[in-house]
Structures are given as structure tokens and as C-alpha cells.
Amino acid sequence: MRLVIARCQVDYAGRLTAHLPMATRLLLVKSDGSVSVHSDDRAYKPLNWMSPPCWLIEDGKLWIVENKQGEKLVISIDEIFHDHAQELGAEPGLQKDGVEAHLQELLAEHIKTLGEGYTLVRREFPTAIGPVDIMARDAEGRAVAVEIKRRGEIDGVEQLTRYLELLNRDPLLAPVQGVFAAQIIKPQARTLAEDRGIRCLTLDYDELRGIESDEFRLF
């Protein structure tokens, strides 16, 4: 992991173009080749980034990051204030609580809970910013990313949104739809998800385990 704090401007050229004027920013270079540009006014989402597979070429104070599609992130550096590299070692990964991990396992086993014709691609689908709980395809073969929580709150929706933004940059997957699945989904989280085109799904833990609830059901 390499962290560089520098005064720089950033230009992205690809399917879209974007420009960040000269300012002091954090440049994050990971061992997988990914490069992301961060400011000090947000907790996690970069201002711009290039996901692997990509390659960084440093020519003095000019950084050019290019992927196999020919998209480029061009970083013009005016001044470097800090440049440090640190080996982080193997990442053990996020340890989900027992119920969340079991929900993921059960939903993968009963993938048609998402809808008729759905098929499982894999659990823990890898991305540059962490694994998506489940990647599936719907009846028409479109990719669907599923984030699973025991309790669905706004931070879970934000997490899925970041995954979708990244996955939809991959022409082999795009367009990727999102499903936010939880035992309980808070109203604010549901509103935010639906506003972003993410489908919400309430999971019945007992039903997925094949156990009928003792409570009366209307349907």
C-alpha cells in the first residue's frame, strides 16, 4: 500500500470524461494495481479511481493509470508533501456475525428466493473494494449483486451502492442490478435504496432454513 499526499489535478478519459482541478489530495496505490484519489470531505468514496487490472506509469510528476479498455486516469502533480509505502500482509477478511453468514449461505442455496429463473454465480464475489455477498443472474441473464444484512440500515445501502458503481464499470458485467436483503430493513434505508434503483428484499430466516414460523400468516 502506497499513500501519497500531493497537490495535483486529475483527468479521467474513458466512456466519460472528468476533471478535478488543482488541489491537495490523497493518492492511494494498492498492491493489486488500483489507484484512487481521495479528498478530506468524505469518509470512504474516492473522487475518482481506476480498478484493476490497470497499470501505473510514473513519468516524473505525471502519473498515467490505464486499464485494458484504454481508459486513462492522468494525475498531474505540482508538489508532493508525503510519500510512504507499507506492506500490509495478507488480509483475513471481514468476519460476519453468525446470522449474517448463515443468511448468505441459505440465500445462495435457495437463490430462487430472489425470483424465478435466478441462478447463482458465486458467493463472496471479489471486487477491488471488498467482496459482494452474492453475485447472481436473473432470468434474462443480467448480473445482480446482493448485499445481505441482518438489520438493513443506510450504511448497508451505501456499501452496495459503492459495489454497483464499481461493477458497472466492467463491460463484461454491466448493467449490474442491486438487491439489498435483510431480515429487517429500516424505512430510511428502504427509501434510499429504492431512490437509487436498488430492490429491497426482506428475508425470513426460519423460512430459509425450512422451518415454518409459529406466527399466523395472512398469505
C-alpha atoms as a PDB file:
ATOM      1  CA  MET A   1       0.000   0.000   0.000  1.00  0.00           C
ATOM      2  CA  ARG A   2       1.387   3.396  -1.016  1.00  0.00           C
ATOM      3  CA  LEU A   3      -0.004   6.675   0.304  1.00  0.00           C
ATOM      4  CA  VAL A   4       0.910   9.937  -1.394  1.00  0.00           C
ATOM      5  CA  ILE A   5      -0.346  13.327  -0.262  1.00  0.00           C
ATOM      6  CA  ALA A   6       0.142  15.772  -3.096  1.00  0.00           C
ATOM      7  CA  ARG A   7      -1.118  18.928  -4.729  1.00  0.00           C
ATOM      8  CA  CYS A   8      -2.413  17.646  -8.054  1.00  0.00           C
ATOM      9  CA  GLN A   9      -5.005  17.806 -10.782  1.00  0.00           C
ATOM     10  CA  VAL A  10      -6.733  14.707 -12.122  1.00  0.00           C
ATOM     11  CA  ASP A  11      -8.245  13.983 -15.525  1.00  0.00           C
ATOM     12  CA  TYR A  12     -10.211  10.852 -16.423  1.00  0.00           C
ATOM     13  CA  ALA A  13     -10.693   9.875 -20.074  1.00  0.00           C
ATOM     14  CA  GLY A  14     -12.846   6.897 -20.976  1.00  0.00           C
ATOM     15  CA  ARG A  15     -16.521   6.319 -21.648  1.00  0.00           C
ATOM     16  CA  LEU A  16     -16.973   9.615 -19.764  1.00  0.00           C
ATOM     17  CA  THR A  17     -14.557  12.464 -19.056  1.00  0.00           C
ATOM     18  CA  ALA A  18     -13.991  14.121 -15.696  1.00  0.00           C
ATOM     19  CA  HIS A  19     -11.657  16.822 -14.399  1.00  0.00           C
ATOM     20  CA  LEU A  20     -10.521  17.625 -10.856  1.00  0.00           C
ATOM     21  CA  PRO A  21      -8.733  20.996 -10.656  1.00  0.00           C
ATOM     22  CA  MET A  22      -5.501  21.518  -8.735  1.00  0.00           C
ATOM     23  CA  ALA A  23      -5.875  20.799  -5.002  1.00  0.00           C
ATOM     24  CA  THR A  24      -4.240  18.821  -2.195  1.00  0.00           C
ATOM     25  CA  ARG A  25      -5.403  15.194  -2.216  1.00  0.00           C
ATOM     26  CA  LEU A  26      -4.539  11.693  -1.033  1.00  0.00           C
ATOM     27  CA  LEU A  27      -3.435   9.253  -3.746  1.00  0.00           C
ATOM     28  CA  LEU A  28      -3.824   5.615  -2.766  1.00  0.00           C
ATOM     29  CA  VAL A  29      -1.954   2.920  -4.720  1.00  0.00           C
ATOM     30  CA  LYS A  30      -2.743  -0.684  -3.784  1.00  0.00           C
ATOM     31  CA  SER A  31      -0.772  -3.844  -4.488  1.00  0.00           C
ATOM     32  CA  ASP A  32      -3.472  -5.010  -6.929  1.00  0.00           C
ATOM     33  CA  GLY A  33      -2.573  -2.029  -9.149  1.00  0.00           C
ATOM     34  CA  SER A  34      -5.633   0.059  -8.365  1.00  0.00           C
ATOM     35  CA  VAL A  35      -5.230   3.805  -7.887  1.00  0.00           C
ATOM     36  CA  SER A  36      -7.771   6.036  -6.150  1.00  0.00           C
ATOM     37  CA  VAL A  37      -7.927   9.775  -5.468  1.00  0.00           C
ATOM     38  CA  HIS A  38      -9.365  10.988  -2.152  1.00  0.00           C
ATOM     39  CA  SER A  39     -10.268  14.314  -0.576  1.00  0.00           C
ATOM     40  CA  ASP A  40     -10.732  15.197   3.092  1.00  0.00           C
ATOM     41  CA  ASP A  41     -14.501  15.743   2.947  1.00  0.00           C
ATOM     42  CA  ARG A  42     -15.835  12.188   2.679  1.00  0.00           C
ATOM     43  CA  ALA A  43     -15.397   9.039   4.716  1.00  0.00           C
ATOM     44  CA  TYR A  44     -14.770   6.397   2.080  1.00  0.00           C
ATOM     45  CA  LYS A  45     -15.794   7.187  -1.501  1.00  0.00           C
ATOM     46  CA  PRO A  46     -12.889   8.338  -3.712  1.00  0.00           C
ATOM     47  CA  LEU A  47     -13.205  11.326  -6.026  1.00  0.00           C
ATOM     48  CA  ASN A  48     -12.002   9.127  -8.887  1.00  0.00           C
ATOM     49  CA  TRP A  49     -10.276   5.801  -9.275  1.00  0.00           C
ATOM     50  CA  MET A  50      -9.065   3.109 -11.669  1.00  0.00           C
ATOM     51  CA  SER A  51      -9.816  -0.501 -10.806  1.00  0.00           C
ATOM     52  CA  PRO A  52      -7.584  -3.470 -11.657  1.00  0.00           C
ATOM     53  CA  PRO A  53      -6.427  -4.776 -13.979  1.00  0.00           C
ATOM     54  CA  CYS A  54      -4.646  -1.481 -14.659  1.00  0.00           C
ATOM     55  CA  TRP A  55      -1.104  -0.153 -14.869  1.00  0.00           C
ATOM     56  CA  LEU A  56       0.573   2.902 -13.355  1.00  0.00           C
ATOM     57  CA  ILE A  57       3.321   4.663 -15.299  1.00  0.00           C
ATOM     58  CA  GLU A  58       5.186   7.410 -13.434  1.00  0.00           C
ATOM     59  CA  ASP A  59       6.981   9.963 -15.599  1.00  0.00           C
ATOM     60  CA  GLY A  60       8.356  12.465 -13.152  1.00  0.00           C
ATOM     61  CA  LYS A  61       5.372  14.340 -11.758  1.00  0.00           C
ATOM     62  CA  LEU A  62       2.975  12.857 -14.301  1.00  0.00           C
ATOM     63  CA  TRP A  63       1.126   9.665 -13.381  1.00  0.00           C
ATOM     64  CA  ILE A  64      -0.800   7.787 -16.069  1.00  0.00           C
ATOM     65  CA  VAL A  65      -3.028   4.901 -14.990  1.00  0.00           C
ATOM     66  CA  GLU A  66      -4.509   2.879 -17.858  1.00  0.00           C
ATOM     67  CA  ASN A  67      -6.718  -0.214 -17.990  1.00  0.00           C
ATOM     68  CA  LYS A  68      -7.154  -2.818 -20.717  1.00  0.00           C
ATOM     69  CA  GLN A  69     -10.100  -0.882 -22.208  1.00  0.00           C
ATOM     70  CA  GLY A  70      -7.802   2.092 -22.845  1.00  0.00           C
ATOM     71  CA  GLU A  71      -9.407   4.287 -20.181  1.00  0.00           C
ATOM     72  CA  LYS A  72      -6.906   6.625 -18.526  1.00  0.00           C
ATOM     73  CA  LEU A  73      -6.565   8.403 -15.212  1.00  0.00           C
ATOM     74  CA  VAL A  74      -3.990  11.161 -15.641  1.00  0.00           C
ATOM     75  CA  ILE A  75      -2.632  12.729 -12.444  1.00  0.00           C
ATOM     76  CA  SER A  76      -0.500  15.866 -12.825  1.00  0.00           C
ATOM     77  CA  ILE A  77       1.425  16.517  -9.598  1.00  0.00           C
ATOM     78  CA  ASP A  78       2.532  20.003  -8.613  1.00  0.00           C
ATOM     79  CA  GLU A  79       4.048  19.167  -5.213  1.00  0.00           C
ATOM     80  CA  ILE A  80       4.388  16.037  -3.045  1.00  0.00           C
ATOM     81  CA  PHE A  81       4.036  16.504   0.723  1.00  0.00           C
ATOM     82  CA  HIS A  82       4.206  12.865   1.800  1.00  0.00           C
ATOM     83  CA  ASP A  83       5.049   9.572   0.057  1.00  0.00           C
ATOM     84  CA  HIS A  84       5.048   6.352   2.065  1.00  0.00           C
ATOM     85  CA  ALA A  85       4.754   2.667   1.157  1.00  0.00           C
ATOM     86  CA  GLN A  86       3.793  -0.009   3.679  1.00  0.00           C
ATOM     87  CA  GLU A  87       3.402  -3.772   3.260  1.00  0.00           C
ATOM     88  CA  LEU A  88       0.108  -4.745   4.912  1.00  0.00           C
ATOM     89  CA  GLY A  89       0.353  -8.515   4.535  1.00  0.00           C
ATOM     90  CA  ALA A  90      -2.476 -10.995   3.994  1.00  0.00           C
ATOM     91  CA  GLU A  91      -5.991  -9.724   4.721  1.00  0.00           C
ATOM     92  CA  PRO A  92      -8.055 -12.181   6.818  1.00  0.00           C
ATOM     93  CA  GLY A  93     -11.282 -10.594   5.579  1.00  0.00           C
ATOM     94  CA  LEU A  94     -14.418  -9.316   7.289  1.00  0.00           C
ATOM     95  CA  GLN A  95     -15.848 -11.720   9.830  1.00  0.00           C
ATOM     96  CA  LYS A  96     -19.627 -11.617   9.589  1.00  0.00           C
ATOM     97  CA  ASP A  97     -21.725 -12.424  12.616  1.00  0.00           C
ATOM     98  CA  GLY A  98     -23.242 -15.903  12.692  1.00  0.00           C
ATOM     99  CA  VAL A  99     -26.709 -14.957  11.483  1.00  0.00           C
ATOM    100  CA  GLU A 100     -25.427 -12.834   8.555  1.00  0.00           C
ATOM    101  CA  ALA A 101     -23.041 -15.550   7.413  1.00  0.00           C
ATOM    102  CA  HIS A 102     -25.801 -18.162   7.631  1.00  0.00           C
ATOM    103  CA  LEU A 103     -28.242 -15.908   5.745  1.00  0.00           C
ATOM    104  CA  GLN A 104     -25.713 -15.624   2.931  1.00  0.00           C
ATOM    105  CA  GLU A 105     -25.242 -19.401   2.853  1.00  0.00           C
ATOM    106  CA  LEU A 106     -29.002 -20.053   2.887  1.00  0.00           C
ATOM    107  CA  LEU A 107     -29.818 -17.451   0.227  1.00  0.00           C
ATOM    108  CA  ALA A 108     -27.112 -18.880  -2.036  1.00  0.00           C
ATOM    109  CA  GLU A 109     -28.597 -22.338  -1.521  1.00  0.00           C
ATOM    110  CA  HIS A 110     -32.135 -21.062  -2.214  1.00  0.00           C
ATOM    111  CA  ILE A 111     -31.238 -18.464  -4.839  1.00  0.00           C
ATOM    112  CA  LYS A 112     -34.761 -18.523  -6.336  1.00  0.00           C
ATOM    113  CA  THR A 113     -35.833 -16.562  -3.263  1.00  0.00           C
ATOM    114  CA  LEU A 114     -34.685 -13.607  -5.383  1.00  0.00           C
ATOM    115  CA  GLY A 115     -37.129 -14.594  -8.124  1.00  0.00           C
ATOM    116  CA  GLU A 116     -37.927 -17.326 -10.632  1.00  0.00           C
ATOM    117  CA  GLY A 117     -35.102 -18.056 -13.046  1.00  0.00           C
ATOM    118  CA  TYR A 118     -32.331 -16.659 -10.840  1.00  0.00           C
ATOM    119  CA  THR A 119     -29.042 -18.572 -10.818  1.00  0.00           C
ATOM    120  CA  LEU A 120     -26.045 -18.284  -8.500  1.00  0.00           C
ATOM    121  CA  VAL A 121     -22.741 -17.061  -9.926  1.00  0.00           C
ATOM    122  CA  ARG A 122     -20.836 -17.237  -6.629  1.00  0.00           C
ATOM    123  CA  ARG A 123     -20.730 -16.154  -3.009  1.00  0.00           C
ATOM    124  CA  GLU A 124     -18.180 -13.532  -1.895  1.00  0.00           C
ATOM    125  CA  PHE A 125     -17.740 -12.172  -5.435  1.00  0.00           C
ATOM    126  CA  PRO A 126     -14.403 -10.283  -5.364  1.00  0.00           C
ATOM    127  CA  THR A 127     -14.066  -6.566  -6.153  1.00  0.00           C
ATOM    128  CA  ALA A 128     -11.282  -4.047  -5.606  1.00  0.00           C
ATOM    129  CA  ILE A 129     -13.099  -2.676  -2.529  1.00  0.00           C
ATOM    130  CA  GLY A 130     -14.178  -5.954  -0.955  1.00  0.00           C
ATOM    131  CA  PRO A 131     -16.377  -8.944  -1.775  1.00  0.00           C
ATOM    132  CA  VAL A 132     -20.038  -8.712  -2.744  1.00  0.00           C
ATOM    133  CA  ASP A 133     -22.045 -11.171  -0.637  1.00  0.00           C
ATOM    134  CA  ILE A 134     -23.711 -12.852  -3.624  1.00  0.00           C
ATOM    135  CA  MET A 135     -23.453 -12.398  -7.370  1.00  0.00           C
ATOM    136  CA  ALA A 136     -26.339 -13.896  -9.326  1.00  0.00           C
ATOM    137  CA  ARG A 137     -28.027 -13.660 -12.715  1.00  0.00           C
ATOM    138  CA  ASP A 138     -31.728 -13.121 -13.279  1.00  0.00           C
ATOM    139  CA  ALA A 139     -33.979 -14.974 -15.702  1.00  0.00           C
ATOM    140  CA  GLU A 140     -32.711 -12.786 -18.586  1.00  0.00           C
ATOM    141  CA  GLY A 141     -29.073 -13.386 -17.680  1.00  0.00           C
ATOM    142  CA  ARG A 142     -28.434  -9.927 -16.226  1.00  0.00           C
ATOM    143  CA  ALA A 143     -25.939  -9.629 -13.362  1.00  0.00           C
ATOM    144  CA  VAL A 144     -27.385  -8.960  -9.906  1.00  0.00           C
ATOM    145  CA  ALA A 145     -25.286  -8.013  -6.858  1.00  0.00           C
ATOM    146  CA  VAL A 146     -26.822  -8.873  -3.484  1.00  0.00           C
ATOM    147  CA  GLU A 147     -25.781  -7.321  -0.171  1.00  0.00           C
ATOM    148  CA  ILE A 148     -27.051  -9.199   2.893  1.00  0.00           C
ATOM    149  CA  LYS A 149     -27.535  -7.745   6.368  1.00  0.00           C
ATOM    150  CA  ARG A 150     -29.239  -8.944   9.496  1.00  0.00           C
ATOM    151  CA  ARG A 151     -30.524  -5.409  10.016  1.00  0.00           C
ATOM    152  CA  GLY A 152     -30.751  -3.244   6.916  1.00  0.00           C
ATOM    153  CA  GLU A 153     -29.634   0.324   7.552  1.00  0.00           C
ATOM    154  CA  ILE A 154     -28.403   3.238   5.439  1.00  0.00           C
ATOM    155  CA  ASP A 155     -24.729   2.242   5.683  1.00  0.00           C
ATOM    156  CA  GLY A 156     -25.572  -1.100   4.056  1.00  0.00           C
ATOM    157  CA  VAL A 157     -27.238   0.692   1.142  1.00  0.00           C
ATOM    158  CA  GLU A 158     -24.181   2.932   0.768  1.00  0.00           C
ATOM    159  CA  GLN A 159     -21.952  -0.153   0.747  1.00  0.00           C
ATOM    160  CA  LEU A 160     -23.993  -1.794  -2.014  1.00  0.00           C
ATOM    161  CA  THR A 161     -24.020   1.478  -3.975  1.00  0.00           C
ATOM    162  CA  ARG A 162     -20.209   1.537  -3.968  1.00  0.00           C
ATOM    163  CA  TYR A 163     -20.097  -2.062  -5.215  1.00  0.00           C
ATOM    164  CA  LEU A 164     -22.568  -1.278  -8.010  1.00  0.00           C
ATOM    165  CA  GLU A 165     -20.637   1.811  -9.137  1.00  0.00           C
ATOM    166  CA  LEU A 166     -17.501  -0.311  -9.399  1.00  0.00           C
ATOM    167  CA  LEU A 167     -19.108  -3.374 -11.002  1.00  0.00           C
ATOM    168  CA  ASN A 168     -20.905  -1.291 -13.620  1.00  0.00           C
ATOM    169  CA  ARG A 169     -17.516  -0.126 -14.895  1.00  0.00           C
ATOM    170  CA  ASP A 170     -16.846  -3.693 -16.047  1.00  0.00           C
ATOM    171  CA  PRO A 171     -18.255  -4.137 -19.588  1.00  0.00           C
ATOM    172  CA  LEU A 172     -18.437  -7.904 -19.059  1.00  0.00           C
ATOM    173  CA  LEU A 173     -20.872  -7.433 -16.161  1.00  0.00           C
ATOM    174  CA  ALA A 174     -22.735  -4.169 -16.852  1.00  0.00           C
ATOM    175  CA  PRO A 175     -25.506  -3.434 -16.348  1.00  0.00           C
ATOM    176  CA  VAL A 176     -25.483  -4.780 -12.793  1.00  0.00           C
ATOM    177  CA  GLN A 177     -28.661  -4.501 -10.705  1.00  0.00           C
ATOM    178  CA  GLY A 178     -28.659  -4.380  -6.899  1.00  0.00           C
ATOM    179  CA  VAL A 179     -30.677  -6.216  -4.255  1.00  0.00           C
ATOM    180  CA  PHE A 180     -30.490  -5.182  -0.599  1.00  0.00           C
ATOM    181  CA  ALA A 181     -31.585  -8.156   1.502  1.00  0.00           C
ATOM    182  CA  ALA A 182     -32.074  -8.207   5.270  1.00  0.00           C
ATOM    183  CA  GLN A 183     -34.271  -9.624   7.986  1.00  0.00           C
ATOM    184  CA  ILE A 184     -35.371  -6.099   8.900  1.00  0.00           C
ATOM    185  CA  ILE A 185     -34.971  -3.061   6.627  1.00  0.00           C
ATOM    186  CA  LYS A 186     -35.324   0.354   8.241  1.00  0.00           C
ATOM    187  CA  PRO A 187     -37.680   2.760   6.404  1.00  0.00           C
ATOM    188  CA  GLN A 188     -34.902   5.302   5.725  1.00  0.00           C
ATOM    189  CA  ALA A 189     -32.705   2.594   4.207  1.00  0.00           C
ATOM    190  CA  ARG A 190     -35.561   1.317   2.041  1.00  0.00           C
ATOM    191  CA  THR A 191     -36.313   4.829   0.780  1.00  0.00           C
ATOM    192  CA  LEU A 192     -32.666   5.463  -0.106  1.00  0.00           C
ATOM    193  CA  ALA A 193     -32.291   2.075  -1.812  1.00  0.00           C
ATOM    194  CA  GLU A 194     -35.416   2.461  -3.917  1.00  0.00           C
ATOM    195  CA  ASP A 195     -34.403   6.009  -4.868  1.00  0.00           C
ATOM    196  CA  ARG A 196     -31.163   4.520  -6.259  1.00  0.00           C
ATOM    197  CA  GLY A 197     -32.923   1.763  -8.161  1.00  0.00           C
ATOM    198  CA  ILE A 198     -31.947  -0.937  -5.662  1.00  0.00           C
ATOM    199  CA  ARG A 199     -34.557  -3.592  -4.899  1.00  0.00           C
ATOM    200  CA  CYS A 200     -35.212  -4.415  -1.237  1.00  0.00           C
ATOM    201  CA  LEU A 201     -35.911  -7.954  -0.082  1.00  0.00           C
ATOM    202  CA  THR A 202     -36.961  -8.935   3.443  1.00  0.00           C
ATOM    203  CA  LEU A 203     -35.571 -12.330   4.401  1.00  0.00           C
ATOM    204  CA  ASP A 204     -37.370 -14.814   6.649  1.00  0.00           C
ATOM    205  CA  TYR A 205     -34.585 -16.676   8.437  1.00  0.00           C
ATOM    206  CA  ASP A 206     -36.808 -19.533   9.604  1.00  0.00           C
ATOM    207  CA  GLU A 207     -38.369 -19.961   6.176  1.00  0.00           C
ATOM    208  CA  LEU A 208     -34.962 -20.134   4.512  1.00  0.00           C
ATOM    209  CA  ARG A 209     -33.982 -22.835   6.986  1.00  0.00           C
ATOM    210  CA  GLY A 210     -37.132 -24.747   6.091  1.00  0.00           C
ATOM    211  CA  ILE A 211     -38.802 -24.058   9.431  1.00  0.00           C
ATOM    212  CA  GLU A 212     -42.354 -22.756   9.433  1.00  0.00           C
ATOM    213  CA  SER A 213     -42.977 -19.868  11.830  1.00  0.00           C
ATOM    214  CA  ASP A 214     -45.462 -20.410  14.621  1.00  0.00           C
ATOM    215  CA  GLU A 215     -46.974 -16.999  13.928  1.00  0.00           C
ATOM    216  CA  PHE A 216     -50.185 -16.720  11.947  1.00  0.00           C
ATOM    217  CA  ARG A 217     -49.723 -15.707   8.312  1.00  0.00           C
ATOM    218  CA  LEU A 218     -52.192 -13.831   6.130  1.00  0.00           C
ATOM    219  CA  PHE A 219     -50.783 -15.458   2.974  1.00  0.00           C
END
